[in-house]
Amino acid sequence: MAAEIAKLGHTALVTPNMEKSLWFFRDVIGLEEVDHQGDTVFLRAWGDWEHHTLSLTPGSEARVDHMAWRAKQVM
């Protein structure tokens, strides 16, 4: 069974400066802070119906932890 990409589901970033990253994505870009799990903060874009669009986790170096895609099955 094949799958077609529907949209980017979410992106997870690791940041050495959590305060500045939160300021940028929440206060400048306008994402809504929706959840915290441990040190990770979850943010959602306007109009997104899923749990989160972006997650930020503190770490020693800035990097993309992972990206997830929404897909639909094609028969």
N, C-alpha and C. Protein backbone atom coordinates (compact mmCIF):
# COMPACT_ATOMS: atom_id res chain seq x y z
N MET A 1 0.84 -1.18 0.00
CA MET A 1 0.00 0.00 0.00
C MET A 1 0.89 1.25 0.00
N ALA A 2 0.61 2.18 -0.87
CA ALA A 2 1.40 3.41 -0.97
C ALA A 2 0.79 4.49 -0.08
N ALA A 3 1.54 5.56 0.09
CA ALA A 3 1.06 6.71 0.88
C ALA A 3 1.41 7.99 0.14
N GLU A 4 0.55 8.98 0.28
CA GLU A 4 0.80 10.30 -0.28
C GLU A 4 1.00 11.28 0.86
N ILE A 5 2.00 12.15 0.72
CA ILE A 5 2.24 13.18 1.73
C ILE A 5 1.09 14.16 1.71
N ALA A 6 0.52 14.43 2.87
CA ALA A 6 -0.58 15.39 2.98
C ALA A 6 -0.05 16.76 3.40
N LYS A 7 0.84 16.77 4.41
CA LYS A 7 1.42 18.03 4.90
C LYS A 7 2.52 17.73 5.89
N LEU A 8 3.29 18.74 6.21
CA LEU A 8 4.27 18.62 7.29
C LEU A 8 3.50 18.56 8.59
N GLY A 9 3.72 17.53 9.37
CA GLY A 9 3.00 17.37 10.64
C GLY A 9 3.56 18.26 11.73
N HIS A 10 4.84 18.11 12.02
CA HIS A 10 5.49 18.97 13.01
C HIS A 10 7.00 18.90 12.86
N THR A 11 7.67 19.86 13.49
CA THR A 11 9.13 19.90 13.53
C THR A 11 9.55 19.98 14.98
N ALA A 12 10.58 19.24 15.34
CA ALA A 12 11.13 19.26 16.70
C ALA A 12 12.54 19.84 16.64
N LEU A 13 12.75 20.91 17.39
CA LEU A 13 14.05 21.58 17.42
C LEU A 13 14.68 21.44 18.80
N VAL A 14 16.00 21.36 18.81
CA VAL A 14 16.79 21.42 20.05
C VAL A 14 17.47 22.78 20.03
N THR A 15 17.44 23.48 21.17
CA THR A 15 17.99 24.83 21.22
C THR A 15 18.87 25.04 22.45
N PRO A 16 20.01 25.71 22.27
CA PRO A 16 20.85 26.04 23.43
C PRO A 16 20.32 27.26 24.18
N ASN A 17 19.36 27.99 23.61
CA ASN A 17 18.82 29.18 24.27
C ASN A 17 17.29 29.11 24.22
N MET A 18 16.73 28.41 25.20
CA MET A 18 15.29 28.18 25.24
C MET A 18 14.51 29.49 25.36
N GLU A 19 14.97 30.39 26.18
CA GLU A 19 14.28 31.66 26.38
C GLU A 19 14.17 32.46 25.07
N LYS A 20 15.28 32.56 24.36
CA LYS A 20 15.28 33.32 23.10
C LYS A 20 14.46 32.60 22.03
N SER A 21 14.54 31.27 21.97
CA SER A 21 13.76 30.51 21.00
C SER A 21 12.26 30.65 21.26
N LEU A 22 11.86 30.55 22.53
CA LEU A 22 10.45 30.73 22.87
C LEU A 22 9.99 32.14 22.50
N TRP A 23 10.79 33.14 22.82
CA TRP A 23 10.45 34.52 22.48
C TRP A 23 10.22 34.64 20.97
N PHE A 24 11.14 34.09 20.18
CA PHE A 24 11.04 34.21 18.73
C PHE A 24 9.78 33.52 18.19
N PHE A 25 9.61 32.23 18.51
CA PHE A 25 8.50 31.48 17.92
C PHE A 25 7.14 31.88 18.50
N ARG A 26 7.08 32.24 19.77
CA ARG A 26 5.81 32.62 20.39
C ARG A 26 5.49 34.10 20.15
N ASP A 27 6.43 34.99 20.47
CA ASP A 27 6.14 36.43 20.46
C ASP A 27 6.36 37.10 19.11
N VAL A 28 7.31 36.61 18.33
CA VAL A 28 7.56 37.22 17.01
C VAL A 28 6.74 36.51 15.93
N ILE A 29 6.86 35.18 15.84
CA ILE A 29 6.16 34.41 14.81
C ILE A 29 4.67 34.28 15.14
N GLY A 30 4.34 34.16 16.42
CA GLY A 30 2.93 34.10 16.83
C GLY A 30 2.38 32.71 17.10
N LEU A 31 3.27 31.72 17.30
CA LEU A 31 2.77 30.39 17.64
C LEU A 31 2.21 30.41 19.06
N GLU A 32 1.22 29.55 19.30
CA GLU A 32 0.58 29.46 20.62
C GLU A 32 1.24 28.36 21.43
N GLU A 33 1.63 28.67 22.65
CA GLU A 33 2.21 27.68 23.55
C GLU A 33 1.07 26.81 24.07
N VAL A 34 1.12 25.48 23.80
CA VAL A 34 -0.01 24.62 24.12
C VAL A 34 0.27 23.54 25.15
N ASP A 35 1.53 23.21 25.40
CA ASP A 35 1.80 22.11 26.32
C ASP A 35 3.27 22.14 26.73
N HIS A 36 3.55 21.51 27.87
CA HIS A 36 4.91 21.28 28.36
C HIS A 36 4.98 19.82 28.79
N GLN A 37 6.05 19.14 28.41
CA GLN A 37 6.31 17.79 28.89
C GLN A 37 7.78 17.73 29.24
N GLY A 38 8.08 17.69 30.53
CA GLY A 38 9.47 17.78 30.97
C GLY A 38 10.01 19.14 30.58
N ASP A 39 11.16 19.16 29.91
CA ASP A 39 11.78 20.42 29.45
C ASP A 39 11.28 20.86 28.08
N THR A 40 10.47 20.04 27.43
CA THR A 40 10.01 20.34 26.07
C THR A 40 8.76 21.21 26.09
N VAL A 41 8.76 22.24 25.23
CA VAL A 41 7.60 23.12 25.07
C VAL A 41 7.02 22.86 23.69
N PHE A 42 5.70 22.73 23.63
CA PHE A 42 4.99 22.47 22.38
C PHE A 42 4.22 23.72 21.97
N LEU A 43 4.33 24.09 20.70
CA LEU A 43 3.66 25.27 20.17
C LEU A 43 2.83 24.88 18.95
N ARG A 44 1.76 25.64 18.72
CA ARG A 44 0.89 25.32 17.60
C ARG A 44 0.63 26.58 16.77
N ALA A 45 0.62 26.41 15.46
CA ALA A 45 0.33 27.51 14.54
C ALA A 45 -1.18 27.71 14.46
N TRP A 46 -1.57 28.93 14.10
CA TRP A 46 -2.97 29.24 13.94
C TRP A 46 -3.59 28.33 12.88
N GLY A 47 -4.75 27.79 13.17
CA GLY A 47 -5.44 26.94 12.22
C GLY A 47 -5.01 25.48 12.22
N ASP A 48 -3.98 25.14 12.96
CA ASP A 48 -3.54 23.74 13.03
C ASP A 48 -4.42 23.03 14.05
N TRP A 49 -4.95 21.88 13.70
CA TRP A 49 -5.84 21.15 14.60
C TRP A 49 -5.12 20.05 15.37
N GLU A 50 -3.86 19.82 15.07
CA GLU A 50 -3.11 18.78 15.77
C GLU A 50 -2.52 19.32 17.07
N HIS A 51 -1.96 18.44 17.88
CA HIS A 51 -1.43 18.82 19.19
C HIS A 51 -0.41 19.94 19.09
N HIS A 52 0.52 19.82 18.16
CA HIS A 52 1.56 20.85 18.03
C HIS A 52 2.11 20.92 16.61
N THR A 53 2.68 22.06 16.31
CA THR A 53 3.32 22.30 15.03
C THR A 53 4.84 22.28 15.20
N LEU A 54 5.28 22.70 16.39
CA LEU A 54 6.71 22.83 16.69
C LEU A 54 6.94 22.45 18.13
N SER A 55 8.03 21.73 18.40
CA SER A 55 8.45 21.50 19.78
C SER A 55 9.87 22.02 19.94
N LEU A 56 10.13 22.56 21.12
CA LEU A 56 11.46 23.08 21.48
C LEU A 56 11.95 22.35 22.72
N THR A 57 13.16 21.83 22.64
CA THR A 57 13.78 21.13 23.76
C THR A 57 15.17 21.72 23.97
N PRO A 58 15.54 22.02 25.22
CA PRO A 58 16.87 22.55 25.45
C PRO A 58 17.96 21.51 25.18
N GLY A 59 19.10 21.99 24.68
CA GLY A 59 20.24 21.11 24.41
C GLY A 59 21.48 21.95 24.21
N SER A 60 22.62 21.31 24.14
CA SER A 60 23.90 22.03 24.05
C SER A 60 24.14 22.67 22.69
N GLU A 61 23.56 22.10 21.62
CA GLU A 61 23.74 22.64 20.27
C GLU A 61 22.39 22.75 19.57
N ALA A 62 22.23 23.80 18.75
CA ALA A 62 21.00 23.96 17.97
C ALA A 62 20.98 22.91 16.86
N ARG A 63 19.84 22.20 16.73
CA ARG A 63 19.71 21.20 15.68
C ARG A 63 18.25 20.83 15.49
N VAL A 64 17.97 20.25 14.36
CA VAL A 64 16.65 19.67 14.11
C VAL A 64 16.69 18.26 14.68
N ASP A 65 15.80 17.97 15.61
CA ASP A 65 15.72 16.63 16.19
C ASP A 65 15.00 15.70 15.22
N HIS A 66 13.84 16.13 14.74
CA HIS A 66 13.12 15.35 13.73
C HIS A 66 12.01 16.19 13.11
N MET A 67 11.50 15.69 11.99
CA MET A 67 10.34 16.27 11.31
C MET A 67 9.39 15.11 11.04
N ALA A 68 8.09 15.36 11.19
CA ALA A 68 7.10 14.32 10.94
C ALA A 68 6.13 14.80 9.87
N TRP A 69 5.77 13.90 8.99
CA TRP A 69 4.85 14.21 7.88
C TRP A 69 3.52 13.53 8.12
N ARG A 70 2.43 14.20 7.73
CA ARG A 70 1.10 13.59 7.72
C ARG A 70 0.94 12.98 6.33
N ALA A 71 0.44 11.78 6.29
CA ALA A 71 0.28 11.10 5.00
C ALA A 71 -1.06 10.38 4.97
N LYS A 72 -1.55 10.12 3.79
CA LYS A 72 -2.77 9.34 3.64
C LYS A 72 -2.46 8.10 2.83
N GLN A 73 -3.13 7.01 3.16
CA GLN A 73 -2.92 5.77 2.41
C GLN A 73 -3.63 5.84 1.07
N VAL A 74 -2.99 5.32 0.06
CA VAL A 74 -3.56 5.26 -1.27
C VAL A 74 -3.73 3.80 -1.63
N MET A 75 -4.90 3.43 -2.02
CA MET A 75 -5.16 2.02 -2.36
C MET A 75 -5.02 1.79 -3.84
